[in-house]
Amino acid sequence: MAYANRILVPALALLVAACAAGPEAARPDACAAADRRAAGLADALAGRGPSEGLAEIAACPALAGSAAREAAEDAYLSGHDEGRARYCTPENAEALARAGERPTLACPPALERDFAAAYAAARAGRGTGEAAGPVVRPNVGIGVGVGDRGVSSGVSLGVGVLFP
C-alpha cells in the first residue's frame, strides 16, 4: 500500500497541475491562433458583452503590443457585431421571454424597439408570430396501489390540449 501511495500521489499531483495550467501552458502562442471572429459571434449569440473577449485578447502574450492584437480585436468586434444583430431579433426576444430569461445584451438602437416590443409581447403571453393553434402534450401516468388482492400497478396514457 505504501508503494502505491509513493507512486499514485505524485502522479495524481502532476495530473492535477497539468490540468490546472490549461492548454495555453503547453502552447503559449495558442491564444494568437484562435478564431477571434467566431469567438465574438459566439459570445454575442450567447448574450455576452465584448469585455471578456477583449480581455482575453489583451492577456495574450503573443499579441502584446503588435498589429496582430489590433487585428484580433477588430475581428472579434466584427463577429460580435454580427452576433448581436442576430441576437437582437424579435424571434430571439420571444424565445428568451418564453424561456423565462432576461435579455443580457444591449441591442443597437435600430433593433432595440422591435426587440423590446417582441420581448414584452411574449412575456405578456401574446407572442409576435402567427396565431398559435392548440398545444397538444402527451401525458403518462404510472400508479401502484395496495388493496385486498395485494399490490397492483397500472399505466395510463392521455393527451392534454391547451387552447391559448
N, C-alpha and C. Protein backbone atom coordinates (compact mmCIF):
# COMPACT_ATOMS: atom_id res chain seq x y z
N MET A 1 0.82 -1.19 0.00
CA MET A 1 0.00 0.00 0.00
C MET A 1 0.86 1.25 0.00
N ALA A 2 1.94 1.24 0.78
CA ALA A 2 2.83 2.40 0.83
C ALA A 2 3.48 2.64 -0.51
N TYR A 3 3.79 1.53 -1.21
CA TYR A 3 4.40 1.66 -2.54
C TYR A 3 3.43 2.34 -3.50
N ALA A 4 2.17 1.94 -3.44
CA ALA A 4 1.16 2.55 -4.31
C ALA A 4 0.99 4.03 -4.00
N ASN A 5 1.04 4.41 -2.74
CA ASN A 5 0.91 5.82 -2.36
C ASN A 5 2.10 6.63 -2.86
N ARG A 6 3.31 6.02 -2.83
CA ARG A 6 4.50 6.75 -3.29
C ARG A 6 4.46 7.02 -4.79
N ILE A 7 3.77 6.19 -5.53
CA ILE A 7 3.67 6.39 -6.99
C ILE A 7 2.39 7.13 -7.34
N LEU A 8 1.29 6.73 -6.75
CA LEU A 8 -0.01 7.28 -7.09
C LEU A 8 -0.16 8.76 -6.72
N VAL A 9 0.26 9.14 -5.55
CA VAL A 9 0.09 10.52 -5.10
C VAL A 9 0.88 11.50 -5.97
N PRO A 10 2.17 11.27 -6.25
CA PRO A 10 2.87 12.21 -7.13
C PRO A 10 2.31 12.23 -8.55
N ALA A 11 1.86 11.07 -9.05
CA ALA A 11 1.29 11.03 -10.40
C ALA A 11 0.00 11.84 -10.46
N LEU A 12 -0.84 11.71 -9.46
CA LEU A 12 -2.08 12.49 -9.42
C LEU A 12 -1.79 13.98 -9.27
N ALA A 13 -0.76 14.32 -8.48
CA ALA A 13 -0.40 15.73 -8.32
C ALA A 13 0.06 16.33 -9.65
N LEU A 14 0.83 15.57 -10.42
CA LEU A 14 1.26 16.05 -11.74
C LEU A 14 0.07 16.22 -12.68
N LEU A 15 -0.85 15.27 -12.64
CA LEU A 15 -2.03 15.35 -13.49
C LEU A 15 -2.88 16.57 -13.15
N VAL A 16 -3.09 16.81 -11.87
CA VAL A 16 -3.88 17.97 -11.44
C VAL A 16 -3.18 19.26 -11.84
N ALA A 17 -1.88 19.32 -11.67
CA ALA A 17 -1.13 20.53 -12.04
C ALA A 17 -1.21 20.78 -13.54
N ALA A 18 -1.12 19.72 -14.33
CA ALA A 18 -1.20 19.88 -15.79
C ALA A 18 -2.58 20.36 -16.21
N CYS A 19 -3.62 19.83 -15.59
CA CYS A 19 -4.98 20.25 -15.93
C CYS A 19 -5.25 21.69 -15.48
N ALA A 20 -4.73 22.07 -14.34
CA ALA A 20 -4.96 23.42 -13.82
C ALA A 20 -4.26 24.45 -14.67
N ALA A 21 -3.14 24.08 -15.28
CA ALA A 21 -2.39 25.04 -16.09
C ALA A 21 -3.13 25.39 -17.36
N GLY A 22 -3.96 24.50 -17.87
CA GLY A 22 -4.74 24.77 -19.07
C GLY A 22 -3.93 24.55 -20.33
N PRO A 23 -4.59 24.58 -21.48
CA PRO A 23 -3.91 24.30 -22.74
C PRO A 23 -2.90 25.38 -23.13
N GLU A 24 -3.09 26.61 -22.66
CA GLU A 24 -2.16 27.68 -23.04
C GLU A 24 -0.77 27.46 -22.45
N ALA A 25 -0.69 26.71 -21.34
CA ALA A 25 0.61 26.45 -20.74
C ALA A 25 1.45 25.58 -21.66
N ALA A 26 0.81 24.67 -22.38
CA ALA A 26 1.53 23.80 -23.29
C ALA A 26 1.94 24.57 -24.55
N ARG A 27 1.11 25.48 -25.00
CA ARG A 27 1.37 26.25 -26.20
C ARG A 27 1.06 27.71 -25.93
N PRO A 28 2.05 28.51 -25.52
CA PRO A 28 1.78 29.90 -25.17
C PRO A 28 1.24 30.73 -26.33
N ASP A 29 1.50 30.32 -27.57
CA ASP A 29 1.02 31.08 -28.72
C ASP A 29 -0.37 30.64 -29.17
N ALA A 30 -0.99 29.71 -28.45
CA ALA A 30 -2.31 29.20 -28.84
C ALA A 30 -3.35 30.32 -28.86
N CYS A 31 -3.24 31.27 -27.97
CA CYS A 31 -4.23 32.35 -27.93
C CYS A 31 -4.14 33.22 -29.18
N ALA A 32 -2.98 33.27 -29.81
CA ALA A 32 -2.83 34.08 -31.01
C ALA A 32 -3.47 33.40 -32.22
N ALA A 33 -3.61 32.07 -32.17
CA ALA A 33 -4.15 31.34 -33.31
C ALA A 33 -5.67 31.19 -33.25
N ALA A 34 -6.30 31.65 -32.20
CA ALA A 34 -7.75 31.49 -32.04
C ALA A 34 -8.51 32.27 -33.11
N ASP A 35 -9.66 31.74 -33.50
CA ASP A 35 -10.53 32.42 -34.46
C ASP A 35 -11.35 33.46 -33.71
N ARG A 36 -10.87 34.68 -33.72
CA ARG A 36 -11.49 35.75 -32.93
C ARG A 36 -12.85 36.16 -33.46
N ARG A 37 -13.06 36.09 -34.76
CA ARG A 37 -14.36 36.46 -35.32
C ARG A 37 -15.42 35.48 -34.84
N ALA A 38 -15.10 34.19 -34.88
CA ALA A 38 -16.04 33.17 -34.42
C ALA A 38 -16.29 33.30 -32.92
N ALA A 39 -15.26 33.66 -32.16
CA ALA A 39 -15.43 33.84 -30.71
C ALA A 39 -16.36 35.02 -30.42
N GLY A 40 -16.20 36.11 -31.15
CA GLY A 40 -17.08 37.26 -30.96
C GLY A 40 -18.52 36.94 -31.32
N LEU A 41 -18.71 36.21 -32.41
CA LEU A 41 -20.04 35.80 -32.84
C LEU A 41 -20.69 34.93 -31.77
N ALA A 42 -19.96 33.94 -31.27
CA ALA A 42 -20.50 33.04 -30.25
C ALA A 42 -20.83 33.78 -28.95
N ASP A 43 -19.97 34.70 -28.55
CA ASP A 43 -20.23 35.46 -27.33
C ASP A 43 -21.52 36.26 -27.45
N ALA A 44 -21.70 36.94 -28.57
CA ALA A 44 -22.91 37.76 -28.74
C ALA A 44 -24.16 36.89 -28.80
N LEU A 45 -24.10 35.78 -29.52
CA LEU A 45 -25.26 34.90 -29.61
C LEU A 45 -25.64 34.32 -28.25
N ALA A 46 -24.66 34.20 -27.37
CA ALA A 46 -24.92 33.72 -26.02
C ALA A 46 -25.34 34.85 -25.08
N GLY A 47 -25.40 36.08 -25.60
CA GLY A 47 -25.84 37.21 -24.79
C GLY A 47 -24.74 37.83 -23.95
N ARG A 48 -23.49 37.56 -24.29
CA ARG A 48 -22.37 38.13 -23.53
C ARG A 48 -21.85 39.38 -24.24
N GLY A 49 -21.47 40.37 -23.46
CA GLY A 49 -20.87 41.58 -24.00
C GLY A 49 -19.44 41.30 -24.46
N PRO A 50 -18.81 42.28 -25.10
CA PRO A 50 -17.47 42.06 -25.65
C PRO A 50 -16.33 42.18 -24.65
N SER A 51 -16.59 42.61 -23.42
CA SER A 51 -15.49 42.90 -22.50
C SER A 51 -14.62 41.68 -22.18
N GLU A 52 -15.23 40.52 -21.97
CA GLU A 52 -14.44 39.33 -21.64
C GLU A 52 -13.57 38.90 -22.82
N GLY A 53 -14.13 38.90 -24.01
CA GLY A 53 -13.36 38.51 -25.19
C GLY A 53 -12.21 39.45 -25.46
N LEU A 54 -12.45 40.74 -25.29
CA LEU A 54 -11.37 41.72 -25.48
C LEU A 54 -10.31 41.58 -24.39
N ALA A 55 -10.72 41.21 -23.19
CA ALA A 55 -9.75 40.99 -22.11
C ALA A 55 -8.87 39.78 -22.41
N GLU A 56 -9.44 38.73 -23.01
CA GLU A 56 -8.65 37.56 -23.39
C GLU A 56 -7.61 37.94 -24.44
N ILE A 57 -8.01 38.76 -25.37
CA ILE A 57 -7.06 39.20 -26.40
C ILE A 57 -5.95 40.02 -25.76
N ALA A 58 -6.30 40.92 -24.86
CA ALA A 58 -5.30 41.75 -24.19
C ALA A 58 -4.34 40.92 -23.34
N ALA A 59 -4.83 39.79 -22.80
CA ALA A 59 -3.99 38.95 -21.95
C ALA A 59 -3.11 37.99 -22.74
N CYS A 60 -3.27 37.93 -24.04
CA CYS A 60 -2.49 37.01 -24.87
C CYS A 60 -1.08 37.55 -25.06
N PRO A 61 -0.05 36.87 -24.52
CA PRO A 61 1.31 37.40 -24.63
C PRO A 61 1.82 37.44 -26.07
N ALA A 62 1.33 36.54 -26.92
CA ALA A 62 1.79 36.51 -28.31
C ALA A 62 1.28 37.71 -29.11
N LEU A 63 0.25 38.38 -28.60
CA LEU A 63 -0.32 39.53 -29.31
C LEU A 63 0.06 40.87 -28.70
N ALA A 64 0.81 40.85 -27.63
CA ALA A 64 1.12 42.08 -26.88
C ALA A 64 1.83 43.11 -27.75
N GLY A 65 1.26 44.31 -27.78
CA GLY A 65 1.87 45.45 -28.46
C GLY A 65 2.13 45.25 -29.94
N SER A 66 1.27 44.55 -30.61
CA SER A 66 1.51 44.31 -32.03
C SER A 66 0.28 44.66 -32.86
N ALA A 67 0.52 44.74 -34.16
CA ALA A 67 -0.59 44.96 -35.09
C ALA A 67 -1.51 43.75 -35.08
N ALA A 68 -0.97 42.58 -34.74
CA ALA A 68 -1.79 41.37 -34.67
C ALA A 68 -2.86 41.49 -33.58
N ARG A 69 -2.54 42.17 -32.50
CA ARG A 69 -3.52 42.37 -31.42
C ARG A 69 -4.66 43.25 -31.93
N GLU A 70 -4.32 44.30 -32.63
CA GLU A 70 -5.35 45.18 -33.18
C GLU A 70 -6.23 44.44 -34.18
N ALA A 71 -5.61 43.60 -35.00
CA ALA A 71 -6.37 42.81 -35.98
C ALA A 71 -7.28 41.81 -35.26
N ALA A 72 -6.79 41.21 -34.18
CA ALA A 72 -7.59 40.26 -33.41
C ALA A 72 -8.79 40.97 -32.77
N GLU A 73 -8.56 42.16 -32.24
CA GLU A 73 -9.66 42.93 -31.65
C GLU A 73 -10.69 43.31 -32.69
N ASP A 74 -10.22 43.74 -33.87
CA ASP A 74 -11.14 44.10 -34.96
C ASP A 74 -11.97 42.89 -35.40
N ALA A 75 -11.32 41.73 -35.53
CA ALA A 75 -12.03 40.52 -35.94
C ALA A 75 -13.06 40.12 -34.88
N TYR A 76 -12.67 40.21 -33.61
CA TYR A 76 -13.58 39.85 -32.52
C TYR A 76 -14.80 40.78 -32.54
N LEU A 77 -14.56 42.08 -32.64
CA LEU A 77 -15.67 43.04 -32.63
C LEU A 77 -16.56 42.89 -33.86
N SER A 78 -15.98 42.55 -35.00
CA SER A 78 -16.78 42.32 -36.20
C SER A 78 -17.71 41.13 -35.99
N GLY A 79 -17.17 40.03 -35.46
CA GLY A 79 -18.00 38.87 -35.16
C GLY A 79 -19.05 39.17 -34.10
N HIS A 80 -18.67 39.97 -33.11
CA HIS A 80 -19.61 40.32 -32.04
C HIS A 80 -20.75 41.17 -32.60
N ASP A 81 -20.44 42.10 -33.48
CA ASP A 81 -21.49 42.92 -34.09
C ASP A 81 -22.47 42.07 -34.89
N GLU A 82 -21.94 41.10 -35.64
CA GLU A 82 -22.81 40.21 -36.40
C GLU A 82 -23.68 39.37 -35.47
N GLY A 83 -23.08 38.85 -34.41
CA GLY A 83 -23.84 38.05 -33.45
C GLY A 83 -24.89 38.87 -32.71
N ARG A 84 -24.56 40.11 -32.40
CA ARG A 84 -25.52 40.98 -31.72
C ARG A 84 -26.72 41.27 -32.62
N ALA A 85 -26.47 41.43 -33.92
CA ALA A 85 -27.58 41.65 -34.85
C ALA A 85 -28.49 40.42 -34.90
N ARG A 86 -27.92 39.23 -34.79
CA ARG A 86 -28.73 38.00 -34.77
C ARG A 86 -29.43 37.83 -33.43
N TYR A 87 -28.78 38.23 -32.35
CA TYR A 87 -29.35 38.12 -31.01
C TYR A 87 -30.55 39.04 -30.86
N CYS A 88 -30.47 40.22 -31.45
CA CYS A 88 -31.48 41.27 -31.26
C CYS A 88 -32.64 41.17 -32.25
N THR A 89 -33.06 39.97 -32.58
CA THR A 89 -34.20 39.79 -33.47
C THR A 89 -35.46 39.58 -32.63
N PRO A 90 -36.62 39.92 -33.17
CA PRO A 90 -37.87 39.66 -32.45
C PRO A 90 -38.06 38.18 -32.11
N GLU A 91 -37.59 37.29 -33.00
CA GLU A 91 -37.73 35.86 -32.75
C GLU A 91 -36.93 35.44 -31.51
N ASN A 92 -35.71 35.96 -31.39
CA ASN A 92 -34.90 35.62 -30.22
C ASN A 92 -35.48 36.25 -28.96
N ALA A 93 -36.02 37.46 -29.07
CA ALA A 93 -36.65 38.09 -27.91
C ALA A 93 -37.81 37.25 -27.41
N GLU A 94 -38.60 36.75 -28.34
CA GLU A 94 -39.74 35.90 -27.97
C GLU A 94 -39.25 34.60 -27.33
N ALA A 95 -38.20 34.01 -27.88
CA ALA A 95 -37.66 32.77 -27.31
C ALA A 95 -37.12 33.01 -25.90
N LEU A 96 -36.44 34.11 -25.69
CA LEU A 96 -35.93 34.44 -24.35
C LEU A 96 -37.07 34.60 -23.36
N ALA A 97 -38.10 35.33 -23.77
CA ALA A 97 -39.23 35.58 -22.88
C ALA A 97 -39.96 34.29 -22.53
N ARG A 98 -40.17 33.46 -23.52
CA ARG A 98 -40.88 32.19 -23.27
C ARG A 98 -40.07 31.26 -22.38
N ALA A 99 -38.74 31.37 -22.44
CA ALA A 99 -37.88 30.55 -21.58
C ALA A 99 -37.73 31.15 -20.19
N GLY A 100 -38.30 32.34 -19.98
CA GLY A 100 -38.20 33.00 -18.69
C GLY A 100 -36.86 33.66 -18.45
N GLU A 101 -36.11 33.91 -19.51
CA GLU A 101 -34.80 34.55 -19.39
C GLU A 101 -34.91 36.03 -19.71
N ARG A 102 -34.01 36.79 -19.14
CA ARG A 102 -33.95 38.22 -19.43
C ARG A 102 -32.87 38.49 -20.46
N PRO A 103 -33.08 39.46 -21.32
CA PRO A 103 -32.02 39.81 -22.27
C PRO A 103 -30.77 40.27 -21.51
N THR A 104 -29.62 39.83 -21.97
CA THR A 104 -28.37 40.18 -21.29
C THR A 104 -27.43 41.00 -22.16
N LEU A 105 -27.86 41.34 -23.34
CA LEU A 105 -27.02 42.08 -24.27
C LEU A 105 -27.78 43.30 -24.76
N ALA A 106 -27.13 44.45 -24.74
CA ALA A 106 -27.77 45.67 -25.22
C ALA A 106 -27.85 45.64 -26.74
N CYS A 107 -29.02 45.91 -27.25
CA CYS A 107 -29.22 45.92 -28.70
C CYS A 107 -28.92 47.30 -29.27
N PRO A 108 -28.49 47.36 -30.53
CA PRO A 108 -28.28 48.65 -31.17
C PRO A 108 -29.61 49.39 -31.30
N PRO A 109 -29.59 50.72 -31.31
CA PRO A 109 -30.84 51.50 -31.36
C PRO A 109 -31.76 51.10 -32.52
N ALA A 110 -31.20 50.72 -33.66
CA ALA A 110 -32.03 50.36 -34.81
C ALA A 110 -32.82 49.08 -34.56
N LEU A 111 -32.36 48.22 -33.67
CA LEU A 111 -33.02 46.94 -33.40
C LEU A 111 -33.74 46.90 -32.06
N GLU A 112 -33.44 47.84 -31.20
CA GLU A 112 -33.93 47.81 -29.82
C GLU A 112 -35.46 47.85 -29.73
N ARG A 113 -36.09 48.70 -30.52
CA ARG A 113 -37.55 48.88 -30.41
C ARG A 113 -38.30 47.58 -30.73
N ASP A 114 -37.97 46.94 -31.86
CA ASP A 114 -38.66 45.71 -32.23
C ASP A 114 -38.34 44.58 -31.25
N PHE A 115 -37.08 44.53 -30.80
CA PHE A 115 -36.67 43.50 -29.85
C PHE A 115 -37.45 43.66 -28.54
N ALA A 116 -37.50 44.87 -28.02
CA ALA A 116 -38.20 45.12 -26.75
C ALA A 116 -39.69 44.85 -26.87
N ALA A 117 -40.28 45.24 -28.00
CA ALA A 117 -41.72 45.00 -28.20
C ALA A 117 -42.03 43.51 -28.26
N ALA A 118 -41.19 42.75 -28.96
CA ALA A 118 -41.41 41.31 -29.05
C ALA A 118 -41.22 40.64 -27.70
N TYR A 119 -40.23 41.10 -26.94
CA TYR A 119 -39.98 40.54 -25.61
C TYR A 119 -41.17 40.81 -24.69
N ALA A 120 -41.66 42.05 -24.71
CA ALA A 120 -42.80 42.42 -23.85
C ALA A 120 -44.05 41.65 -24.24
N ALA A 121 -44.30 41.50 -25.54
CA ALA A 121 -45.48 40.77 -26.00
C ALA A 121 -45.41 39.30 -25.59
N ALA A 122 -44.24 38.71 -25.73
CA ALA A 122 -44.10 37.30 -25.35
C ALA A 122 -44.22 37.12 -23.84
N ARG A 123 -43.70 38.06 -23.07
CA ARG A 123 -43.83 37.98 -21.60
C ARG A 123 -45.30 38.09 -21.19
N ALA A 124 -46.06 38.87 -21.95
CA ALA A 124 -47.48 39.03 -21.66
C ALA A 124 -48.30 37.86 -22.21
N GLY A 125 -47.63 36.95 -22.93
CA GLY A 125 -48.32 35.78 -23.46
C GLY A 125 -48.97 35.98 -24.80
N ARG A 126 -48.71 37.11 -25.43
CA ARG A 126 -49.34 37.37 -26.72
C ARG A 126 -48.52 36.86 -27.88
N GLY A 127 -47.20 36.91 -27.77
CA GLY A 127 -46.34 36.48 -28.88
C GLY A 127 -46.39 37.47 -30.03
N THR A 128 -45.49 37.32 -30.94
CA THR A 128 -45.45 38.21 -32.09
C THR A 128 -45.59 37.46 -33.40
N GLY A 129 -45.52 36.14 -33.35
CA GLY A 129 -45.60 35.34 -34.56
C GLY A 129 -47.03 35.16 -35.00
N GLU A 130 -47.22 34.19 -35.88
CA GLU A 130 -48.57 33.88 -36.35
C GLU A 130 -49.40 33.35 -35.19
N ALA A 131 -50.70 33.39 -35.35
CA ALA A 131 -51.57 32.91 -34.29
C ALA A 131 -51.27 31.44 -34.02
N ALA A 132 -51.06 31.13 -32.79
CA ALA A 132 -50.71 29.77 -32.41
C ALA A 132 -51.97 28.94 -32.28
N GLY A 133 -51.90 27.70 -32.72
CA GLY A 133 -53.00 26.78 -32.58
C GLY A 133 -52.93 26.12 -31.22
N PRO A 134 -53.75 25.12 -31.02
CA PRO A 134 -53.74 24.43 -29.73
C PRO A 134 -52.40 23.72 -29.50
N VAL A 135 -52.02 23.64 -28.26
CA VAL A 135 -50.81 22.94 -27.86
C VAL A 135 -51.23 21.57 -27.35
N VAL A 136 -50.69 20.53 -27.94
CA VAL A 136 -51.04 19.16 -27.57
C VAL A 136 -49.84 18.54 -26.88
N ARG A 137 -50.06 17.99 -25.69
CA ARG A 137 -48.98 17.36 -24.94
C ARG A 137 -49.44 15.98 -24.45
N PRO A 138 -48.63 14.98 -24.72
CA PRO A 138 -48.99 13.65 -24.19
C PRO A 138 -48.73 13.59 -22.69
N ASN A 139 -49.52 12.82 -22.01
CA ASN A 139 -49.35 12.62 -20.57
C ASN A 139 -49.27 11.13 -20.29
N VAL A 140 -48.35 10.74 -19.41
CA VAL A 140 -48.20 9.36 -19.00
C VAL A 140 -48.27 9.34 -17.49
N GLY A 141 -49.07 8.44 -16.95
CA GLY A 141 -49.17 8.29 -15.52
C GLY A 141 -48.89 6.86 -15.12
N ILE A 142 -48.19 6.67 -14.03
CA ILE A 142 -47.89 5.34 -13.52
C ILE A 142 -48.38 5.30 -12.08
N GLY A 143 -49.08 4.24 -11.74
CA GLY A 143 -49.61 4.14 -10.38
C GLY A 143 -49.38 2.77 -9.78
N VAL A 144 -49.24 2.74 -8.48
CA VAL A 144 -49.10 1.50 -7.73
C VAL A 144 -50.06 1.60 -6.55
N GLY A 145 -50.77 0.52 -6.32
CA GLY A 145 -51.72 0.52 -5.21
C GLY A 145 -51.70 -0.79 -4.45
N VAL A 146 -52.15 -0.72 -3.21
CA VAL A 146 -52.25 -1.91 -2.38
C VAL A 146 -53.72 -2.05 -1.99
N GLY A 147 -54.27 -3.22 -2.25
CA GLY A 147 -55.68 -3.45 -1.94
C GLY A 147 -55.88 -4.81 -1.32
N ASP A 148 -57.14 -5.25 -1.32
CA ASP A 148 -57.48 -6.54 -0.74
C ASP A 148 -56.80 -7.69 -1.49
N ARG A 149 -56.57 -7.52 -2.75
CA ARG A 149 -56.00 -8.58 -3.57
C ARG A 149 -54.48 -8.50 -3.66
N GLY A 150 -53.87 -7.60 -2.94
CA GLY A 150 -52.41 -7.46 -2.98
C GLY A 150 -52.01 -6.16 -3.66
N VAL A 151 -50.85 -6.17 -4.24
CA VAL A 151 -50.30 -4.98 -4.90
C VAL A 151 -50.70 -4.99 -6.36
N SER A 152 -51.13 -3.84 -6.84
CA SER A 152 -51.47 -3.72 -8.26
C SER A 152 -50.81 -2.45 -8.80
N SER A 153 -50.57 -2.48 -10.08
CA SER A 153 -49.96 -1.32 -10.72
C SER A 153 -50.65 -1.07 -12.03
N GLY A 154 -50.45 0.12 -12.56
CA GLY A 154 -51.07 0.46 -13.82
C GLY A 154 -50.40 1.64 -14.49
N VAL A 155 -50.64 1.76 -15.76
CA VAL A 155 -50.12 2.85 -16.56
C VAL A 155 -51.28 3.47 -17.30
N SER A 156 -51.32 4.78 -17.32
CA SER A 156 -52.36 5.45 -18.09
C SER A 156 -51.71 6.40 -19.08
N LEU A 157 -52.31 6.50 -20.22
CA LEU A 157 -51.86 7.43 -21.26
C LEU A 157 -52.97 8.42 -21.54
N GLY A 158 -52.59 9.65 -21.74
CA GLY A 158 -53.59 10.66 -22.03
C GLY A 158 -53.01 11.76 -22.91
N VAL A 159 -53.87 12.62 -23.33
CA VAL A 159 -53.46 13.74 -24.18
C VAL A 159 -54.05 15.01 -23.57
N GLY A 160 -53.19 15.98 -23.35
CA GLY A 160 -53.64 17.28 -22.86
C GLY A 160 -53.66 18.28 -24.00
N VAL A 161 -54.71 19.07 -24.10
CA VAL A 161 -54.83 20.07 -25.15
C VAL A 161 -55.02 21.43 -24.51
N LEU A 162 -54.16 22.37 -24.89
CA LEU A 162 -54.24 23.72 -24.37
C LEU A 162 -54.60 24.65 -25.52
N PHE A 163 -55.65 25.43 -25.35
CA PHE A 163 -56.04 26.41 -26.36
C PHE A 163 -55.64 27.79 -25.85
N PRO A 164 -54.56 28.37 -26.43
CA PRO A 164 -54.10 29.68 -25.95
C PRO A 164 -55.06 30.79 -26.27
